[in-house]
Amino acid sequence: MKVLVIGGGGREHALAWKLSQSNRIETVFVAPGNGGTAAADRIRNVDITDLAQLRDWARQEKIGLT
C-alpha cells in the first residue's frame, strides 16, 4: 500500500517514520515533507502544496491511505 502524510513538521516526520516500518506499506509519501523525511528510507517527499494538485497526484499514484 502507498500512504500519503500531509504536512512538514516533526509530527508528520514521526508518523511517516513509523508507517515506513510496516511490511504492509510499500512507500510513504510526505507532502511537502522536510529534510528529515527526505533522508529516510521508504519515505519520499512530494513538493506539492496546492490541495487540488495533491488530490490529483494522489489519485494518479493510487494512494491507499492519507
PDB file of N, CA and C in Angstrom:
ATOM      1  N   MET A   1       0.841  -1.172   0.000  1.00  0.00           N
ATOM      2  CA  MET A   1       0.000   0.000   0.000  1.00  0.00           C
ATOM      3  C   MET A   1       0.894   1.246   0.000  1.00  0.00           C
ATOM      4  N   LYS A   2       0.435   2.275  -0.670  1.00  0.00           N
ATOM      5  CA  LYS A   2       1.088   3.581  -0.642  1.00  0.00           C
ATOM      6  C   LYS A   2       0.317   4.485   0.303  1.00  0.00           C
ATOM      7  N   VAL A   3       1.060   5.258   1.110  1.00  0.00           N
ATOM      8  CA  VAL A   3       0.457   6.127   2.114  1.00  0.00           C
ATOM      9  C   VAL A   3       0.935   7.556   1.885  1.00  0.00           C
ATOM     10  N   LEU A   4       0.041   8.513   2.089  1.00  0.00           N
ATOM     11  CA  LEU A   4       0.378   9.932   1.982  1.00  0.00           C
ATOM     12  C   LEU A   4       0.155  10.603   3.332  1.00  0.00           C
ATOM     13  N   VAL A   5       1.196  11.256   3.834  1.00  0.00           N
ATOM     14  CA  VAL A   5       1.113  12.060   5.054  1.00  0.00           C
ATOM     15  C   VAL A   5       1.224  13.520   4.627  1.00  0.00           C
ATOM     16  N   ILE A   6       0.275  14.342   5.041  1.00  0.00           N
ATOM     17  CA  ILE A   6       0.278  15.752   4.639  1.00  0.00           C
ATOM     18  C   ILE A   6       0.826  16.597   5.785  1.00  0.00           C
ATOM     19  N   GLY A   7       1.881  17.348   5.494  1.00  0.00           N
ATOM     20  CA  GLY A   7       2.493  18.227   6.480  1.00  0.00           C
ATOM     21  C   GLY A   7       4.008  18.171   6.378  1.00  0.00           C
ATOM     22  N   GLY A   8       4.652  19.020   7.122  1.00  0.00           N
ATOM     23  CA  GLY A   8       6.100  19.082   7.034  1.00  0.00           C
ATOM     24  C   GLY A   8       6.801  19.219   8.370  1.00  0.00           C
ATOM     25  N   GLY A   9       6.098  18.975   9.450  1.00  0.00           N
ATOM     26  CA  GLY A   9       6.688  19.168  10.772  1.00  0.00           C
ATOM     27  C   GLY A   9       7.179  17.879  11.401  1.00  0.00           C
ATOM     28  N   GLY A  10       7.524  17.986  12.660  1.00  0.00           N
ATOM     29  CA  GLY A  10       8.038  16.850  13.404  1.00  0.00           C
ATOM     30  C   GLY A  10       7.026  15.739  13.615  1.00  0.00           C
ATOM     31  N   ARG A  11       5.773  16.088  13.819  1.00  0.00           N
ATOM     32  CA  ARG A  11       4.736  15.058  13.998  1.00  0.00           C
ATOM     33  C   ARG A  11       4.564  14.232  12.730  1.00  0.00           C
ATOM     34  N   GLU A  12       4.560  14.930  11.581  1.00  0.00           N
ATOM     35  CA  GLU A  12       4.421  14.226  10.310  1.00  0.00           C
ATOM     36  C   GLU A  12       5.634  13.334  10.050  1.00  0.00           C
ATOM     37  N   HIS A  13       6.806  13.835  10.428  1.00  0.00           N
ATOM     38  CA  HIS A  13       8.030  13.032  10.287  1.00  0.00           C
ATOM     39  C   HIS A  13       7.915  11.762  11.119  1.00  0.00           C
ATOM     40  N   ALA A  14       7.466  11.888  12.363  1.00  0.00           N
ATOM     41  CA  ALA A  14       7.323  10.729  13.241  1.00  0.00           C
ATOM     42  C   ALA A  14       6.299   9.733  12.693  1.00  0.00           C
ATOM     43  N   LEU A  15       5.175  10.227  12.202  1.00  0.00           N
ATOM     44  CA  LEU A  15       4.164   9.350  11.606  1.00  0.00           C
ATOM     45  C   LEU A  15       4.715   8.618  10.391  1.00  0.00           C
ATOM     46  N   ALA A  16       5.369   9.353   9.503  1.00  0.00           N
ATOM     47  CA  ALA A  16       5.928   8.752   8.293  1.00  0.00           C
ATOM     48  C   ALA A  16       6.981   7.713   8.640  1.00  0.00           C
ATOM     49  N   TRP A  17       7.844   8.013   9.601  1.00  0.00           N
ATOM     50  CA  TRP A  17       8.890   7.093  10.018  1.00  0.00           C
ATOM     51  C   TRP A  17       8.296   5.795  10.545  1.00  0.00           C
ATOM     52  N   LYS A  18       7.287   5.903  11.399  1.00  0.00           N
ATOM     53  CA  LYS A  18       6.670   4.702  11.965  1.00  0.00           C
ATOM     54  C   LYS A  18       5.925   3.913  10.895  1.00  0.00           C
ATOM     55  N   LEU A  19       5.188   4.592  10.032  1.00  0.00           N
ATOM     56  CA  LEU A  19       4.481   3.912   8.945  1.00  0.00           C
ATOM     57  C   LEU A  19       5.445   3.171   8.033  1.00  0.00           C
ATOM     58  N   SER A  20       6.605   3.751   7.774  1.00  0.00           N
ATOM     59  CA  SER A  20       7.576   3.145   6.854  1.00  0.00           C
ATOM     60  C   SER A  20       8.151   1.844   7.401  1.00  0.00           C
ATOM     61  N   GLN A  21       7.981   1.562   8.674  1.00  0.00           N
ATOM     62  CA  GLN A  21       8.484   0.335   9.273  1.00  0.00           C
ATOM     63  C   GLN A  21       7.562  -0.866   9.049  1.00  0.00           C
ATOM     64  N   SER A  22       6.357  -0.607   8.558  1.00  0.00           N
ATOM     65  CA  SER A  22       5.392  -1.682   8.327  1.00  0.00           C
ATOM     66  C   SER A  22       5.710  -2.427   7.034  1.00  0.00           C
ATOM     67  N   ASN A  23       5.635  -3.750   7.086  1.00  0.00           N
ATOM     68  CA  ASN A  23       5.827  -4.568   5.886  1.00  0.00           C
ATOM     69  C   ASN A  23       4.672  -4.428   4.904  1.00  0.00           C
ATOM     70  N   ARG A  24       3.533  -3.951   5.368  1.00  0.00           N
ATOM     71  CA  ARG A  24       2.354  -3.801   4.514  1.00  0.00           C
ATOM     72  C   ARG A  24       2.395  -2.523   3.689  1.00  0.00           C
ATOM     73  N   ILE A  25       3.323  -1.621   4.007  1.00  0.00           N
ATOM     74  CA  ILE A  25       3.382  -0.334   3.313  1.00  0.00           C
ATOM     75  C   ILE A  25       4.575  -0.313   2.380  1.00  0.00           C
ATOM     76  N   GLU A  26       4.283  -0.051   1.103  1.00  0.00           N
ATOM     77  CA  GLU A  26       5.303  -0.004   0.064  1.00  0.00           C
ATOM     78  C   GLU A  26       6.122   1.282   0.146  1.00  0.00           C
ATOM     79  N   THR A  27       5.436   2.421   0.156  1.00  0.00           N
ATOM     80  CA  THR A  27       6.087   3.730   0.189  1.00  0.00           C
ATOM     81  C   THR A  27       5.238   4.698   0.986  1.00  0.00           C
ATOM     82  N   VAL A  28       5.902   5.561   1.748  1.00  0.00           N
ATOM     83  CA  VAL A  28       5.233   6.647   2.458  1.00  0.00           C
ATOM     84  C   VAL A  28       5.644   7.940   1.775  1.00  0.00           C
ATOM     85  N   PHE A  29       4.673   8.683   1.302  1.00  0.00           N
ATOM     86  CA  PHE A  29       4.912   9.987   0.698  1.00  0.00           C
ATOM     87  C   PHE A  29       4.541  11.055   1.717  1.00  0.00           C
ATOM     88  N   VAL A  30       5.328  12.120   1.779  1.00  0.00           N
ATOM     89  CA  VAL A  30       5.042  13.222   2.691  1.00  0.00           C
ATOM     90  C   VAL A  30       4.995  14.507   1.874  1.00  0.00           C
ATOM     91  N   ALA A  31       3.881  15.231   1.981  1.00  0.00           N
ATOM     92  CA  ALA A  31       3.716  16.472   1.220  1.00  0.00           C
ATOM     93  C   ALA A  31       3.539  17.630   2.186  1.00  0.00           C
ATOM     94  N   PRO A  32       4.385  18.611   2.204  1.00  0.00           N
ATOM     95  CA  PRO A  32       5.577  18.771   1.371  1.00  0.00           C
ATOM     96  C   PRO A  32       6.805  18.088   1.937  1.00  0.00           C
ATOM     97  N   GLY A  33       6.752  17.619   3.175  1.00  0.00           N
ATOM     98  CA  GLY A  33       7.895  16.947   3.766  1.00  0.00           C
ATOM     99  C   GLY A  33       8.906  17.910   4.360  1.00  0.00           C
ATOM    100  N   ASN A  34      10.053  17.359   4.760  1.00  0.00           N
ATOM    101  CA  ASN A  34      11.121  18.176   5.340  1.00  0.00           C
ATOM    102  C   ASN A  34      12.458  17.472   5.117  1.00  0.00           C
ATOM    103  N   GLY A  35      13.521  18.038   5.601  1.00  0.00           N
ATOM    104  CA  GLY A  35      14.844  17.462   5.403  1.00  0.00           C
ATOM    105  C   GLY A  35      14.999  16.083   6.008  1.00  0.00           C
ATOM    106  N   GLY A  36      14.367  15.864   7.150  1.00  0.00           N
ATOM    107  CA  GLY A  36      14.441  14.557   7.797  1.00  0.00           C
ATOM    108  C   GLY A  36      13.741  13.471   7.011  1.00  0.00           C
ATOM    109  N   THR A  37      12.578  13.783   6.471  1.00  0.00           N
ATOM    110  CA  THR A  37      11.861  12.780   5.686  1.00  0.00           C
ATOM    111  C   THR A  37      12.538  12.563   4.337  1.00  0.00           C
ATOM    112  N   ALA A  38      13.229  13.552   3.829  1.00  0.00           N
ATOM    113  CA  ALA A  38      13.932  13.412   2.554  1.00  0.00           C
ATOM    114  C   ALA A  38      15.077  12.411   2.656  1.00  0.00           C
ATOM    115  N   ALA A  39      15.654  12.256   3.834  1.00  0.00           N
ATOM    116  CA  ALA A  39      16.819  11.396   4.004  1.00  0.00           C
ATOM    117  C   ALA A  39      16.463   9.970   4.424  1.00  0.00           C
ATOM    118  N   ALA A  40      15.199   9.693   4.698  1.00  0.00           N
ATOM    119  CA  ALA A  40      14.794   8.392   5.228  1.00  0.00           C
ATOM    120  C   ALA A  40      14.521   7.382   4.117  1.00  0.00           C
ATOM    121  N   ASP A  41      14.741   6.106   4.442  1.00  0.00           N
ATOM    122  CA  ASP A  41      14.411   5.030   3.508  1.00  0.00           C
ATOM    123  C   ASP A  41      12.902   4.835   3.444  1.00  0.00           C
ATOM    124  N   ARG A  42      12.406   4.490   2.261  1.00  0.00           N
ATOM    125  CA  ARG A  42      10.987   4.206   2.012  1.00  0.00           C
ATOM    126  C   ARG A  42      10.076   5.397   2.244  1.00  0.00           C
ATOM    127  N   ILE A  43      10.645   6.587   2.397  1.00  0.00           N
ATOM    128  CA  ILE A  43       9.859   7.817   2.530  1.00  0.00           C
ATOM    129  C   ILE A  43      10.295   8.765   1.427  1.00  0.00           C
ATOM    130  N   ARG A  44       9.313   9.332   0.722  1.00  0.00           N
ATOM    131  CA  ARG A  44       9.635  10.281  -0.345  1.00  0.00           C
ATOM    132  C   ARG A  44       8.821  11.548  -0.149  1.00  0.00           C
ATOM    133  N   ASN A  45       9.492  12.671  -0.273  1.00  0.00           N
ATOM    134  CA  ASN A  45       8.809  13.962  -0.206  1.00  0.00           C
ATOM    135  C   ASN A  45       8.133  14.257  -1.531  1.00  0.00           C
ATOM    136  N   VAL A  46       6.999  14.924  -1.459  1.00  0.00           N
ATOM    137  CA  VAL A  46       6.261  15.365  -2.643  1.00  0.00           C
ATOM    138  C   VAL A  46       6.128  16.876  -2.527  1.00  0.00           C
ATOM    139  N   ASP A  47       6.718  17.585  -3.453  1.00  0.00           N
ATOM    140  CA  ASP A  47       6.746  19.047  -3.393  1.00  0.00           C
ATOM    141  C   ASP A  47       5.475  19.650  -3.988  1.00  0.00           C
ATOM    142  N   ILE A  48       4.336  19.340  -3.358  1.00  0.00           N
ATOM    143  CA  ILE A  48       3.039  19.871  -3.794  1.00  0.00           C
ATOM    144  C   ILE A  48       2.351  20.451  -2.563  1.00  0.00           C
ATOM    145  N   THR A  49       1.962  21.729  -2.633  1.00  0.00           N
ATOM    146  CA  THR A  49       1.242  22.347  -1.517  1.00  0.00           C
ATOM    147  C   THR A  49      -0.191  22.706  -1.884  1.00  0.00           C
ATOM    148  N   ASP A  50      -0.514  22.762  -3.158  1.00  0.00           N
ATOM    149  CA  ASP A  50      -1.868  23.051  -3.606  1.00  0.00           C
ATOM    150  C   ASP A  50      -2.735  21.796  -3.421  1.00  0.00           C
ATOM    151  N   LEU A  51      -3.829  21.911  -2.679  1.00  0.00           N
ATOM    152  CA  LEU A  51      -4.640  20.742  -2.353  1.00  0.00           C
ATOM    153  C   LEU A  51      -5.264  20.068  -3.564  1.00  0.00           C
ATOM    154  N   ALA A  52      -5.711  20.828  -4.544  1.00  0.00           N
ATOM    155  CA  ALA A  52      -6.298  20.232  -5.746  1.00  0.00           C
ATOM    156  C   ALA A  52      -5.245  19.438  -6.521  1.00  0.00           C
ATOM    157  N   GLN A  53      -4.051  19.990  -6.629  1.00  0.00           N
ATOM    158  CA  GLN A  53      -2.970  19.272  -7.307  1.00  0.00           C
ATOM    159  C   GLN A  53      -2.579  18.014  -6.517  1.00  0.00           C
ATOM    160  N   LEU A  54      -2.558  18.123  -5.200  1.00  0.00           N
ATOM    161  CA  LEU A  54      -2.211  16.984  -4.362  1.00  0.00           C
ATOM    162  C   LEU A  54      -3.262  15.882  -4.492  1.00  0.00           C
ATOM    163  N   ARG A  55      -4.528  16.263  -4.533  1.00  0.00           N
ATOM    164  CA  ARG A  55      -5.613  15.292  -4.731  1.00  0.00           C
ATOM    165  C   ARG A  55      -5.434  14.555  -6.052  1.00  0.00           C
ATOM    166  N   ASP A  56      -5.176  15.302  -7.117  1.00  0.00           N
ATOM    167  CA  ASP A  56      -4.990  14.689  -8.432  1.00  0.00           C
ATOM    168  C   ASP A  56      -3.776  13.765  -8.440  1.00  0.00           C
ATOM    169  N   TRP A  57      -2.694  14.190  -7.801  1.00  0.00           N
ATOM    170  CA  TRP A  57      -1.488  13.377  -7.735  1.00  0.00           C
ATOM    171  C   TRP A  57      -1.766  12.075  -6.970  1.00  0.00           C
ATOM    172  N   ALA A  58      -2.494  12.185  -5.846  1.00  0.00           N
ATOM    173  CA  ALA A  58      -2.804  11.008  -5.029  1.00  0.00           C
ATOM    174  C   ALA A  58      -3.667  10.010  -5.804  1.00  0.00           C
ATOM    175  N   ARG A  59      -4.589  10.492  -6.561  1.00  0.00           N
ATOM    176  CA  ARG A  59      -5.417   9.598  -7.395  1.00  0.00           C
ATOM    177  C   ARG A  59      -4.569   8.908  -8.450  1.00  0.00           C
ATOM    178  N   GLN A  60      -3.681   9.650  -9.072  1.00  0.00           N
ATOM    179  CA  GLN A  60      -2.805   9.104 -10.111  1.00  0.00           C
ATOM    180  C   GLN A  60      -1.873   8.045  -9.527  1.00  0.00           C
ATOM    181  N   GLU A  61      -1.348   8.285  -8.339  1.00  0.00           N
ATOM    182  CA  GLU A  61      -0.416   7.364  -7.689  1.00  0.00           C
ATOM    183  C   GLU A  61      -1.117   6.191  -7.000  1.00  0.00           C
ATOM    184  N   LYS A  62      -2.467   6.237  -6.950  1.00  0.00           N
ATOM    185  CA  LYS A  62      -3.255   5.207  -6.282  1.00  0.00           C
ATOM    186  C   LYS A  62      -2.869   5.065  -4.805  1.00  0.00           C
ATOM    187  N   ILE A  63      -2.897   6.204  -4.119  1.00  0.00           N
ATOM    188  CA  ILE A  63      -2.604   6.242  -2.692  1.00  0.00           C
ATOM    189  C   ILE A  63      -3.731   5.523  -1.935  1.00  0.00           C
ATOM    190  N   GLY A  64      -3.372   4.588  -1.071  1.00  0.00           N
ATOM    191  CA  GLY A  64      -4.362   3.805  -0.343  1.00  0.00           C
ATOM    192  C   GLY A  64      -4.857   4.431   0.943  1.00  0.00           C
ATOM    193  N   LEU A  65      -4.027   5.307   1.548  1.00  0.00           N
ATOM    194  CA  LEU A  65      -4.394   5.902   2.827  1.00  0.00           C
ATOM    195  C   LEU A  65      -3.755   7.279   2.924  1.00  0.00           C
ATOM    196  N   THR A  66      -4.528   8.264   3.338  1.00  0.00           N
ATOM    197  CA  THR A  66      -3.994   9.616   3.549  1.00  0.00           C
ATOM    198  C   THR A  66      -4.223  10.024   4.978  1.00  0.00           C
TER     199      THR A  66
END
